[in-house]
Protein backbone atom coordinates (compact mmCIF):
# COMPACT_ATOMS: atom_id res chain seq x y z
CA MET A 1 -6.99 2.41 1.62
CA ARG A 2 -8.60 0.90 -1.44
CA GLN A 3 -10.69 -2.24 -0.97
CA GLU A 4 -8.41 -4.31 -3.22
CA LEU A 5 -5.45 -3.76 -0.89
CA ARG A 6 -7.55 -4.16 2.26
CA SER A 7 -8.83 -7.55 1.03
CA LYS A 8 -5.34 -8.68 0.02
CA ILE A 9 -3.88 -7.82 3.44
CA ILE A 10 -6.68 -9.62 5.30
CA ALA A 11 -6.22 -12.72 3.11
CA VAL A 12 -2.45 -12.77 3.71
CA CYS A 13 -2.96 -12.31 7.47
CA ASP A 14 -5.48 -15.18 7.50
CA LYS A 15 -3.03 -17.43 5.65
CA LYS A 16 -0.11 -16.55 7.95
CA ILE A 17 -2.23 -17.07 11.09
CA ALA A 18 -3.51 -20.42 9.79
CA SER A 19 -0.01 -21.69 9.04
CA LYS A 20 2.01 -20.17 11.91
CA GLY A 21 -0.46 -19.41 14.69
CA ASP A 22 -1.88 -16.37 16.46
CA ASN A 23 1.49 -14.89 17.40
CA VAL A 24 2.83 -14.56 13.85
CA GLY A 25 4.08 -11.11 12.94
CA VAL A 26 3.99 -9.44 9.53
CA SER A 27 5.44 -6.37 7.91
CA PHE A 28 3.80 -4.47 5.07
CA TYR A 29 6.24 -6.14 2.69
CA ALA A 30 4.48 -9.48 3.36
CA PHE A 31 1.65 -8.38 1.09
CA PHE A 32 3.81 -7.99 -2.00
CA ALA A 33 6.03 -10.11 -4.24
CA ASN A 34 9.79 -9.68 -4.01
CA LYS A 35 9.66 -7.44 -7.04
CA ASN A 36 8.24 -3.96 -7.21
CA ASP A 37 5.53 -4.61 -9.81
CA ASP A 38 2.98 -2.17 -8.34
CA PRO A 39 4.78 0.78 -6.71
CA GLU A 40 1.58 2.77 -6.12
CA LEU A 41 -0.02 -0.07 -4.15
CA LEU A 42 3.19 -0.62 -2.18
CA MET A 43 3.34 3.08 -1.28
CA GLU A 44 -0.31 3.02 -0.26
CA ALA A 45 0.40 0.15 2.16
CA ALA A 46 3.58 1.84 3.44
CA THR A 47 1.74 5.12 4.01
CA TRP A 48 -1.06 3.38 5.93
CA TRP A 49 1.44 1.34 7.98
CA ILE A 50 4.19 3.89 8.67
CA GLN A 51 2.80 7.40 8.34
CA ILE A 52 -0.82 7.01 9.37
CA HIS A 53 -0.62 4.34 12.09
CA LYS A 54 3.09 4.60 13.02
CA LEU A 55 3.37 0.82 13.36
CA ASP A 56 6.62 -1.00 14.09
CA HIS A 57 8.29 -2.99 11.32
CA PHE A 58 6.70 -6.27 12.50
CA VAL A 59 3.21 -6.34 13.97
CA LYS A 60 1.01 -9.28 14.91
CA ALA A 61 -1.09 -10.37 11.93
CA LEU A 62 -4.16 -10.55 14.20
CA LYS A 63 -3.78 -6.86 15.07
CA ILE A 64 -3.40 -5.80 11.43
CA LYS A 65 -6.41 -7.86 10.38
CA GLN A 66 -8.53 -6.40 13.20
CA MET A 67 -7.51 -2.85 12.30
CA LEU A 68 -8.67 -3.41 8.74
CA VAL A 69 -11.90 -5.13 9.79
CA ASP A 70 -12.57 -2.14 12.08
CA GLY A 71 -12.10 0.23 9.13
CA LEU A 72 -8.86 1.84 10.27
């Protein structure tokens, strides 16, 4: 996953955790606007989330952040 996307996901997770607490869940759609303005980046996130890691639709933001920090 490119660093731009990795940084964006971590920032969104941090914001969600700060506003809603440690138990907040996110889906990969949380990292994008409601319009498909960057389909390649969206597919990169979807591939990482669904195909590579086989994550459920909603996952705790803390887990996603930790996975990215760990380089997964």
